[in-house]
Amino acid sequence: MGLIGFYIRMIDFTDIAEQIKKGIADEWQSQGHDLTGKFREGMTYQIKNTADSTFIFILDNTDSGYGKIINEGVRADQIKYPYARARIRGLTMYAKLRMGASDKDAVSIAFAIATKHAKEGMPLPSSKRFSKTGNRTHFVEDAEKRFKKIIENSIAKQLEWQSQ
């Protein structure tokens, strides 16, 4: 009776999750959203294994789920309180960072942007000038188009390394 040998190859899904996270962050930046770095810093992942599958979840850990809002956009009729304190505070910071506005000017700009959002939704068509891709929404879906290739390359590289 002979011995039976098994050669098991393990795939490092951490590497794949890191690459997916980076792909999303890179698309976010290409669309012109990476002003403070908070979304990129707040993105994490979880890997869940079941009996027959491995799932990678990319999580937006920013305070307000900002990534989802930017990814999907917001119709004008969904903006119930355009002058809410938190919105104006965020838009004021945006005006300072993006436009270099003074404190006083930034508040005026914030109210003007909030008014325009209430009429046209977000993102505003004029914000496309900040994008390298011409898109300002659906950065996750745009990045996802590259995931299959990222995953295939990572697995191929890992299997090649293990066979040496």
N, C-alpha and C. Protein backbone atom coordinates (compact mmCIF):
# COMPACT_ATOMS: atom_id res chain seq x y z
N MET A 1 0.85 -1.18 0.00
CA MET A 1 0.00 0.00 0.00
C MET A 1 0.89 1.24 0.00
N GLY A 2 0.63 2.15 -0.93
CA GLY A 2 1.45 3.34 -1.06
C GLY A 2 0.87 4.51 -0.28
N LEU A 3 1.69 5.49 -0.10
CA LEU A 3 1.25 6.70 0.59
C LEU A 3 0.61 7.64 -0.42
N ILE A 4 -0.37 8.36 0.04
CA ILE A 4 -1.04 9.35 -0.80
C ILE A 4 -0.60 10.72 -0.29
N GLY A 5 -0.12 11.54 -1.19
CA GLY A 5 0.33 12.87 -0.79
C GLY A 5 -0.63 13.94 -1.30
N PHE A 6 -0.77 14.95 -0.53
CA PHE A 6 -1.61 16.09 -0.91
C PHE A 6 -0.75 17.34 -0.97
N TYR A 7 -0.94 18.10 -2.00
CA TYR A 7 -0.27 19.39 -2.11
C TYR A 7 -1.38 20.44 -2.07
N ILE A 8 -1.45 21.16 -0.99
CA ILE A 8 -2.52 22.15 -0.82
C ILE A 8 -1.94 23.53 -1.07
N ARG A 9 -2.63 24.29 -1.87
CA ARG A 9 -2.22 25.66 -2.16
C ARG A 9 -3.19 26.60 -1.46
N MET A 10 -2.65 27.49 -0.70
CA MET A 10 -3.47 28.46 0.02
C MET A 10 -3.39 29.80 -0.71
N ILE A 11 -4.51 30.44 -0.80
CA ILE A 11 -4.58 31.76 -1.41
C ILE A 11 -4.67 32.80 -0.29
N ASP A 12 -3.84 33.83 -0.37
CA ASP A 12 -3.85 34.91 0.60
C ASP A 12 -4.89 35.94 0.16
N PHE A 13 -6.06 35.89 0.76
CA PHE A 13 -7.12 36.82 0.39
C PHE A 13 -6.88 38.22 0.96
N THR A 14 -5.99 38.32 1.93
CA THR A 14 -5.64 39.64 2.47
C THR A 14 -5.01 40.49 1.38
N ASP A 15 -4.12 39.90 0.60
CA ASP A 15 -3.49 40.61 -0.51
C ASP A 15 -4.53 41.06 -1.53
N ILE A 16 -5.46 40.19 -1.83
CA ILE A 16 -6.51 40.53 -2.80
C ILE A 16 -7.39 41.65 -2.25
N ALA A 17 -7.76 41.57 -0.97
CA ALA A 17 -8.59 42.61 -0.35
C ALA A 17 -7.87 43.95 -0.36
N GLU A 18 -6.58 43.94 -0.07
CA GLU A 18 -5.79 45.18 -0.10
C GLU A 18 -5.78 45.78 -1.51
N GLN A 19 -5.66 44.94 -2.51
CA GLN A 19 -5.64 45.44 -3.89
C GLN A 19 -7.00 45.99 -4.30
N ILE A 20 -8.07 45.36 -3.88
CA ILE A 20 -9.42 45.86 -4.18
C ILE A 20 -9.63 47.21 -3.49
N LYS A 21 -9.25 47.27 -2.22
CA LYS A 21 -9.38 48.52 -1.47
C LYS A 21 -8.60 49.64 -2.16
N LYS A 22 -7.39 49.34 -2.59
CA LYS A 22 -6.56 50.32 -3.29
C LYS A 22 -7.22 50.72 -4.61
N GLY A 23 -7.81 49.76 -5.33
CA GLY A 23 -8.48 50.07 -6.59
C GLY A 23 -9.65 51.02 -6.40
N ILE A 24 -10.42 50.81 -5.34
CA ILE A 24 -11.54 51.71 -5.05
C ILE A 24 -11.01 53.10 -4.68
N ALA A 25 -10.00 53.15 -3.83
CA ALA A 25 -9.43 54.44 -3.41
C ALA A 25 -8.83 55.18 -4.60
N ASP A 26 -8.18 54.45 -5.49
CA ASP A 26 -7.59 55.10 -6.67
C ASP A 26 -8.67 55.67 -7.59
N GLU A 27 -9.78 54.93 -7.76
CA GLU A 27 -10.87 55.44 -8.60
C GLU A 27 -11.52 56.65 -7.94
N TRP A 28 -11.69 56.61 -6.62
CA TRP A 28 -12.20 57.73 -5.83
C TRP A 28 -11.36 58.98 -6.11
N GLN A 29 -10.05 58.80 -6.07
CA GLN A 29 -9.14 59.91 -6.32
C GLN A 29 -9.21 60.36 -7.78
N SER A 30 -9.28 59.43 -8.71
CA SER A 30 -9.37 59.79 -10.14
C SER A 30 -10.61 60.61 -10.44
N GLN A 31 -11.68 60.35 -9.69
CA GLN A 31 -12.91 61.12 -9.89
C GLN A 31 -12.86 62.47 -9.18
N GLY A 32 -11.76 62.76 -8.49
CA GLY A 32 -11.57 64.08 -7.89
C GLY A 32 -12.15 64.24 -6.50
N HIS A 33 -12.34 63.14 -5.78
CA HIS A 33 -12.95 63.23 -4.45
C HIS A 33 -11.95 63.27 -3.29
N ASP A 34 -10.71 62.94 -3.52
CA ASP A 34 -9.75 62.73 -2.43
C ASP A 34 -9.16 64.04 -1.94
N LEU A 35 -9.97 64.83 -1.27
CA LEU A 35 -9.53 66.15 -0.82
C LEU A 35 -8.85 66.08 0.55
N THR A 36 -9.39 65.27 1.46
CA THR A 36 -8.83 65.20 2.81
C THR A 36 -8.14 63.87 3.09
N GLY A 37 -8.43 62.84 2.32
CA GLY A 37 -7.86 61.52 2.58
C GLY A 37 -8.65 60.70 3.59
N LYS A 38 -9.72 61.27 4.16
CA LYS A 38 -10.48 60.58 5.21
C LYS A 38 -11.17 59.32 4.70
N PHE A 39 -11.70 59.37 3.49
CA PHE A 39 -12.36 58.17 2.96
C PHE A 39 -11.35 57.05 2.77
N ARG A 40 -10.24 57.37 2.15
CA ARG A 40 -9.18 56.37 1.92
C ARG A 40 -8.72 55.78 3.25
N GLU A 41 -8.49 56.65 4.24
CA GLU A 41 -8.05 56.18 5.56
C GLU A 41 -9.12 55.37 6.27
N GLY A 42 -10.39 55.70 6.04
CA GLY A 42 -11.49 55.05 6.73
C GLY A 42 -11.95 53.75 6.09
N MET A 43 -11.40 53.42 4.94
CA MET A 43 -11.82 52.20 4.26
C MET A 43 -11.07 51.00 4.85
N THR A 44 -11.82 49.98 5.21
CA THR A 44 -11.23 48.74 5.71
C THR A 44 -11.88 47.57 4.99
N TYR A 45 -11.46 46.38 5.33
CA TYR A 45 -12.07 45.21 4.72
C TYR A 45 -12.21 44.11 5.76
N GLN A 46 -13.13 43.20 5.48
CA GLN A 46 -13.31 41.99 6.26
C GLN A 46 -13.34 40.82 5.29
N ILE A 47 -12.74 39.73 5.70
CA ILE A 47 -12.74 38.52 4.89
C ILE A 47 -13.52 37.47 5.67
N LYS A 48 -14.55 36.93 5.04
CA LYS A 48 -15.39 35.90 5.67
C LYS A 48 -15.29 34.63 4.85
N ASN A 49 -14.99 33.55 5.52
CA ASN A 49 -14.91 32.24 4.87
C ASN A 49 -16.12 31.40 5.24
N THR A 50 -16.70 30.75 4.26
CA THR A 50 -17.75 29.77 4.49
C THR A 50 -17.19 28.43 4.04
N ALA A 51 -18.00 27.40 4.09
CA ALA A 51 -17.54 26.08 3.71
C ALA A 51 -17.05 26.02 2.26
N ASP A 52 -17.67 26.80 1.39
CA ASP A 52 -17.30 26.69 -0.02
C ASP A 52 -16.95 28.02 -0.70
N SER A 53 -16.89 29.10 0.06
CA SER A 53 -16.61 30.40 -0.56
C SER A 53 -15.85 31.31 0.40
N THR A 54 -15.21 32.29 -0.19
CA THR A 54 -14.58 33.36 0.59
C THR A 54 -15.17 34.67 0.09
N PHE A 55 -15.58 35.52 1.04
CA PHE A 55 -16.17 36.80 0.71
C PHE A 55 -15.27 37.91 1.23
N ILE A 56 -15.10 38.93 0.43
CA ILE A 56 -14.34 40.11 0.84
C ILE A 56 -15.32 41.28 0.89
N PHE A 57 -15.43 41.89 2.06
CA PHE A 57 -16.31 43.04 2.24
C PHE A 57 -15.43 44.28 2.41
N ILE A 58 -15.68 45.29 1.60
CA ILE A 58 -14.98 46.56 1.74
C ILE A 58 -15.91 47.49 2.51
N LEU A 59 -15.42 48.07 3.59
CA LEU A 59 -16.25 48.86 4.49
C LEU A 59 -15.84 50.33 4.49
N ASP A 60 -16.83 51.20 4.48
CA ASP A 60 -16.62 52.64 4.61
C ASP A 60 -16.85 52.98 6.08
N ASN A 61 -15.78 53.27 6.79
CA ASN A 61 -15.88 53.56 8.22
C ASN A 61 -15.86 55.06 8.52
N THR A 62 -16.19 55.88 7.53
CA THR A 62 -16.29 57.31 7.81
C THR A 62 -17.53 57.53 8.65
N ASP A 63 -17.59 58.65 9.33
CA ASP A 63 -18.68 58.93 10.25
C ASP A 63 -20.06 58.89 9.62
N SER A 64 -20.18 59.33 8.38
CA SER A 64 -21.50 59.51 7.80
C SER A 64 -21.79 58.61 6.60
N GLY A 65 -20.97 57.58 6.39
CA GLY A 65 -21.19 56.76 5.20
C GLY A 65 -21.00 57.57 3.94
N TYR A 66 -20.04 58.47 3.99
CA TYR A 66 -19.79 59.42 2.92
C TYR A 66 -19.56 58.74 1.58
N GLY A 67 -18.85 57.62 1.59
CA GLY A 67 -18.55 56.92 0.35
C GLY A 67 -19.79 56.52 -0.42
N LYS A 68 -20.78 56.00 0.29
CA LYS A 68 -22.02 55.57 -0.35
C LYS A 68 -22.76 56.77 -0.96
N ILE A 69 -22.77 57.87 -0.24
CA ILE A 69 -23.45 59.08 -0.72
C ILE A 69 -22.79 59.56 -2.02
N ILE A 70 -21.46 59.61 -2.02
CA ILE A 70 -20.74 60.08 -3.20
C ILE A 70 -20.86 59.07 -4.34
N ASN A 71 -20.81 57.79 -4.02
CA ASN A 71 -20.90 56.76 -5.07
C ASN A 71 -22.24 56.83 -5.80
N GLU A 72 -23.32 57.00 -5.07
CA GLU A 72 -24.65 56.97 -5.66
C GLU A 72 -25.17 58.34 -6.09
N GLY A 73 -24.61 59.40 -5.52
CA GLY A 73 -25.14 60.73 -5.80
C GLY A 73 -26.44 60.94 -5.02
N VAL A 74 -26.94 62.13 -5.04
CA VAL A 74 -28.17 62.47 -4.32
C VAL A 74 -29.02 63.35 -5.22
N ARG A 75 -30.27 62.91 -5.46
CA ARG A 75 -31.19 63.73 -6.24
C ARG A 75 -31.61 64.95 -5.41
N ALA A 76 -31.96 66.02 -6.09
CA ALA A 76 -32.36 67.26 -5.40
C ALA A 76 -33.52 67.02 -4.43
N ASP A 77 -34.49 66.19 -4.84
CA ASP A 77 -35.64 65.96 -3.96
C ASP A 77 -35.31 65.13 -2.72
N GLN A 78 -34.11 64.56 -2.67
CA GLN A 78 -33.68 63.81 -1.50
C GLN A 78 -33.00 64.70 -0.46
N ILE A 79 -32.70 65.93 -0.83
CA ILE A 79 -32.03 66.85 0.09
C ILE A 79 -33.10 67.63 0.84
N LYS A 80 -33.42 67.14 2.03
CA LYS A 80 -34.52 67.72 2.82
C LYS A 80 -34.10 68.99 3.56
N TYR A 81 -32.88 69.01 4.04
CA TYR A 81 -32.41 70.15 4.83
C TYR A 81 -31.10 70.67 4.24
N PRO A 82 -31.19 71.45 3.17
CA PRO A 82 -29.96 71.88 2.51
C PRO A 82 -29.07 72.77 3.38
N TYR A 83 -29.67 73.42 4.38
CA TYR A 83 -28.88 74.33 5.22
C TYR A 83 -28.64 73.76 6.62
N ALA A 84 -28.72 72.45 6.74
CA ALA A 84 -28.44 71.82 8.03
C ALA A 84 -27.03 72.17 8.48
N ARG A 85 -26.87 72.34 9.77
CA ARG A 85 -25.60 72.78 10.33
C ARG A 85 -24.42 71.90 9.88
N ALA A 86 -24.60 70.59 9.94
CA ALA A 86 -23.52 69.68 9.55
C ALA A 86 -23.18 69.82 8.06
N ARG A 87 -24.18 69.99 7.22
CA ARG A 87 -23.96 70.16 5.77
C ARG A 87 -23.18 71.45 5.51
N ILE A 88 -23.59 72.54 6.13
CA ILE A 88 -22.90 73.82 5.93
C ILE A 88 -21.47 73.75 6.47
N ARG A 89 -21.30 73.08 7.59
CA ARG A 89 -19.95 72.92 8.15
C ARG A 89 -19.06 72.15 7.17
N GLY A 90 -19.58 71.06 6.60
CA GLY A 90 -18.83 70.28 5.63
C GLY A 90 -18.54 71.05 4.36
N LEU A 91 -19.52 71.77 3.86
CA LEU A 91 -19.33 72.56 2.64
C LEU A 91 -18.39 73.74 2.87
N THR A 92 -18.39 74.28 4.09
CA THR A 92 -17.45 75.35 4.44
C THR A 92 -16.02 74.83 4.38
N MET A 93 -15.81 73.66 4.95
CA MET A 93 -14.49 73.04 4.92
C MET A 93 -14.08 72.74 3.47
N TYR A 94 -15.04 72.27 2.69
CA TYR A 94 -14.79 71.99 1.28
C TYR A 94 -14.33 73.26 0.56
N ALA A 95 -15.03 74.37 0.79
CA ALA A 95 -14.68 75.64 0.13
C ALA A 95 -13.29 76.11 0.52
N LYS A 96 -12.91 75.88 1.77
CA LYS A 96 -11.58 76.26 2.22
C LYS A 96 -10.51 75.39 1.54
N LEU A 97 -10.75 74.09 1.54
CA LEU A 97 -9.75 73.17 0.99
C LEU A 97 -9.67 73.22 -0.53
N ARG A 98 -10.81 73.16 -1.18
CA ARG A 98 -10.82 73.08 -2.65
C ARG A 98 -10.53 74.44 -3.29
N MET A 99 -11.07 75.49 -2.67
CA MET A 99 -10.98 76.81 -3.31
C MET A 99 -10.05 77.79 -2.61
N GLY A 100 -9.54 77.38 -1.46
CA GLY A 100 -8.66 78.28 -0.71
C GLY A 100 -9.38 79.50 -0.16
N ALA A 101 -10.68 79.35 0.08
CA ALA A 101 -11.49 80.49 0.54
C ALA A 101 -11.18 80.85 1.99
N SER A 102 -11.33 82.12 2.32
CA SER A 102 -11.18 82.58 3.71
C SER A 102 -12.38 82.06 4.51
N ASP A 103 -12.30 82.17 5.83
CA ASP A 103 -13.40 81.69 6.68
C ASP A 103 -14.73 82.33 6.28
N LYS A 104 -14.73 83.65 6.14
CA LYS A 104 -15.96 84.38 5.82
C LYS A 104 -16.48 83.99 4.43
N ASP A 105 -15.59 83.97 3.44
CA ASP A 105 -16.01 83.62 2.08
C ASP A 105 -16.46 82.16 2.00
N ALA A 106 -15.82 81.30 2.77
CA ALA A 106 -16.15 79.87 2.73
C ALA A 106 -17.59 79.61 3.18
N VAL A 107 -18.04 80.36 4.17
CA VAL A 107 -19.42 80.20 4.64
C VAL A 107 -20.40 80.63 3.55
N SER A 108 -20.13 81.74 2.90
CA SER A 108 -20.99 82.20 1.80
C SER A 108 -21.01 81.19 0.66
N ILE A 109 -19.84 80.67 0.33
CA ILE A 109 -19.74 79.66 -0.73
C ILE A 109 -20.52 78.41 -0.34
N ALA A 110 -20.42 78.02 0.93
CA ALA A 110 -21.13 76.83 1.42
C ALA A 110 -22.64 76.98 1.24
N PHE A 111 -23.17 78.14 1.58
CA PHE A 111 -24.61 78.37 1.41
C PHE A 111 -25.00 78.36 -0.07
N ALA A 112 -24.15 78.93 -0.91
CA ALA A 112 -24.43 78.94 -2.35
C ALA A 112 -24.44 77.51 -2.90
N ILE A 113 -23.47 76.70 -2.48
CA ILE A 113 -23.42 75.30 -2.95
C ILE A 113 -24.63 74.54 -2.44
N ALA A 114 -25.00 74.74 -1.17
CA ALA A 114 -26.16 74.05 -0.60
C ALA A 114 -27.44 74.41 -1.37
N THR A 115 -27.58 75.66 -1.73
CA THR A 115 -28.74 76.10 -2.51
C THR A 115 -28.76 75.40 -3.86
N LYS A 116 -27.62 75.33 -4.50
CA LYS A 116 -27.52 74.67 -5.81
C LYS A 116 -27.79 73.17 -5.69
N HIS A 117 -27.27 72.53 -4.62
CA HIS A 117 -27.56 71.11 -4.39
C HIS A 117 -29.06 70.87 -4.25
N ALA A 118 -29.73 71.78 -3.53
CA ALA A 118 -31.17 71.63 -3.31
C ALA A 118 -31.95 71.73 -4.63
N LYS A 119 -31.40 72.44 -5.59
CA LYS A 119 -32.06 72.59 -6.90
C LYS A 119 -31.65 71.52 -7.90
N GLU A 120 -30.36 71.12 -7.87
CA GLU A 120 -29.83 70.23 -8.91
C GLU A 120 -29.37 68.86 -8.42
N GLY A 121 -29.25 68.70 -7.10
CA GLY A 121 -28.73 67.43 -6.56
C GLY A 121 -27.21 67.44 -6.51
N MET A 122 -26.67 66.27 -6.10
CA MET A 122 -25.22 66.13 -6.02
C MET A 122 -24.81 64.87 -6.77
N PRO A 123 -23.72 64.92 -7.41
CA PRO A 123 -22.82 66.05 -7.55
C PRO A 123 -23.37 67.04 -8.58
N LEU A 124 -22.87 68.24 -8.51
CA LEU A 124 -23.26 69.25 -9.49
C LEU A 124 -22.52 68.95 -10.80
N PRO A 125 -23.18 69.18 -11.93
CA PRO A 125 -22.51 68.93 -13.22
C PRO A 125 -21.18 69.66 -13.36
N SER A 126 -21.08 70.85 -12.78
CA SER A 126 -19.83 71.63 -12.90
C SER A 126 -18.66 70.99 -12.16
N SER A 127 -18.93 70.06 -11.25
CA SER A 127 -17.85 69.43 -10.49
C SER A 127 -17.06 68.42 -11.31
N LYS A 128 -17.54 68.09 -12.50
CA LYS A 128 -16.81 67.15 -13.36
C LYS A 128 -15.41 67.67 -13.71
N ARG A 129 -15.20 68.95 -13.60
CA ARG A 129 -13.88 69.50 -13.93
C ARG A 129 -12.80 68.99 -12.98
N PHE A 130 -13.19 68.45 -11.83
CA PHE A 130 -12.21 67.92 -10.88
C PHE A 130 -11.86 66.46 -11.16
N SER A 131 -12.59 65.85 -12.08
CA SER A 131 -12.43 64.42 -12.36
C SER A 131 -11.50 64.17 -13.54
N LYS A 132 -10.63 63.18 -13.39
CA LYS A 132 -9.76 62.76 -14.49
C LYS A 132 -10.47 61.78 -15.41
N THR A 133 -11.57 61.20 -14.92
CA THR A 133 -12.29 60.18 -15.70
C THR A 133 -13.54 60.72 -16.36
N GLY A 134 -13.97 61.92 -15.95
CA GLY A 134 -15.23 62.47 -16.45
C GLY A 134 -16.42 62.03 -15.62
N ASN A 135 -16.19 61.16 -14.65
CA ASN A 135 -17.26 60.67 -13.77
C ASN A 135 -17.10 61.27 -12.38
N ARG A 136 -18.23 61.43 -11.69
CA ARG A 136 -18.20 61.90 -10.30
C ARG A 136 -19.00 60.97 -9.40
N THR A 137 -19.62 59.95 -9.96
CA THR A 137 -20.33 58.95 -9.17
C THR A 137 -19.93 57.56 -9.67
N HIS A 138 -20.36 56.56 -8.94
CA HIS A 138 -20.15 55.14 -9.30
C HIS A 138 -18.67 54.77 -9.35
N PHE A 139 -17.89 55.31 -8.42
CA PHE A 139 -16.47 54.97 -8.38
C PHE A 139 -16.27 53.51 -8.00
N VAL A 140 -17.18 52.94 -7.20
CA VAL A 140 -17.06 51.53 -6.83
C VAL A 140 -17.28 50.65 -8.05
N GLU A 141 -18.32 50.93 -8.80
CA GLU A 141 -18.61 50.13 -10.00
C GLU A 141 -17.50 50.28 -11.04
N ASP A 142 -16.97 51.50 -11.18
CA ASP A 142 -15.88 51.71 -12.13
C ASP A 142 -14.63 50.93 -11.71
N ALA A 143 -14.34 50.92 -10.41
CA ALA A 143 -13.19 50.15 -9.92
C ALA A 143 -13.45 48.65 -10.05
N GLU A 144 -14.70 48.26 -9.84
CA GLU A 144 -15.07 46.84 -9.88
C GLU A 144 -14.79 46.22 -11.25
N LYS A 145 -14.84 47.02 -12.29
CA LYS A 145 -14.56 46.51 -13.63
C LYS A 145 -13.15 45.93 -13.71
N ARG A 146 -12.27 46.42 -12.84
CA ARG A 146 -10.88 45.93 -12.83
C ARG A 146 -10.66 44.82 -11.81
N PHE A 147 -11.62 44.55 -10.92
CA PHE A 147 -11.43 43.56 -9.85
C PHE A 147 -11.12 42.17 -10.38
N LYS A 148 -11.84 41.75 -11.39
CA LYS A 148 -11.64 40.39 -11.90
C LYS A 148 -10.18 40.21 -12.30
N LYS A 149 -9.64 41.18 -12.99
CA LYS A 149 -8.24 41.11 -13.43
C LYS A 149 -7.30 41.15 -12.22
N ILE A 150 -7.60 42.00 -11.26
CA ILE A 150 -6.78 42.11 -10.05
C ILE A 150 -6.74 40.76 -9.33
N ILE A 151 -7.91 40.16 -9.16
CA ILE A 151 -8.01 38.88 -8.45
C ILE A 151 -7.29 37.79 -9.23
N GLU A 152 -7.53 37.72 -10.53
CA GLU A 152 -6.87 36.69 -11.35
C GLU A 152 -5.35 36.83 -11.29
N ASN A 153 -4.85 38.04 -11.40
CA ASN A 153 -3.40 38.27 -11.35
C ASN A 153 -2.81 37.90 -9.99
N SER A 154 -3.51 38.27 -8.92
CA SER A 154 -3.02 37.97 -7.58
C SER A 154 -2.97 36.47 -7.34
N ILE A 155 -4.02 35.76 -7.72
CA ILE A 155 -4.05 34.31 -7.53
C ILE A 155 -2.96 33.64 -8.37
N ALA A 156 -2.83 34.07 -9.62
CA ALA A 156 -1.81 33.49 -10.50
C ALA A 156 -0.41 33.71 -9.92
N LYS A 157 -0.16 34.91 -9.42
CA LYS A 157 1.15 35.22 -8.84
C LYS A 157 1.40 34.37 -7.61
N GLN A 158 0.39 34.20 -6.76
CA GLN A 158 0.55 33.39 -5.55
C GLN A 158 0.78 31.92 -5.89
N LEU A 159 0.05 31.42 -6.87
CA LEU A 159 0.23 30.02 -7.24
C LEU A 159 1.59 29.80 -7.89
N GLU A 160 2.04 30.77 -8.67
CA GLU A 160 3.36 30.67 -9.29
C GLU A 160 4.45 30.65 -8.23
N TRP A 161 4.31 31.51 -7.22
CA TRP A 161 5.28 31.58 -6.13
C TRP A 161 5.31 30.28 -5.35
N GLN A 162 4.14 29.68 -5.10
CA GLN A 162 4.06 28.45 -4.31
C GLN A 162 4.65 27.25 -5.06
N SER A 163 4.60 27.27 -6.38
CA SER A 163 5.07 26.12 -7.15
C SER A 163 6.59 26.13 -7.33
N GLN A 164 7.23 27.20 -6.89
CA GLN A 164 8.69 27.25 -7.04
C GLN A 164 9.41 26.53 -5.94
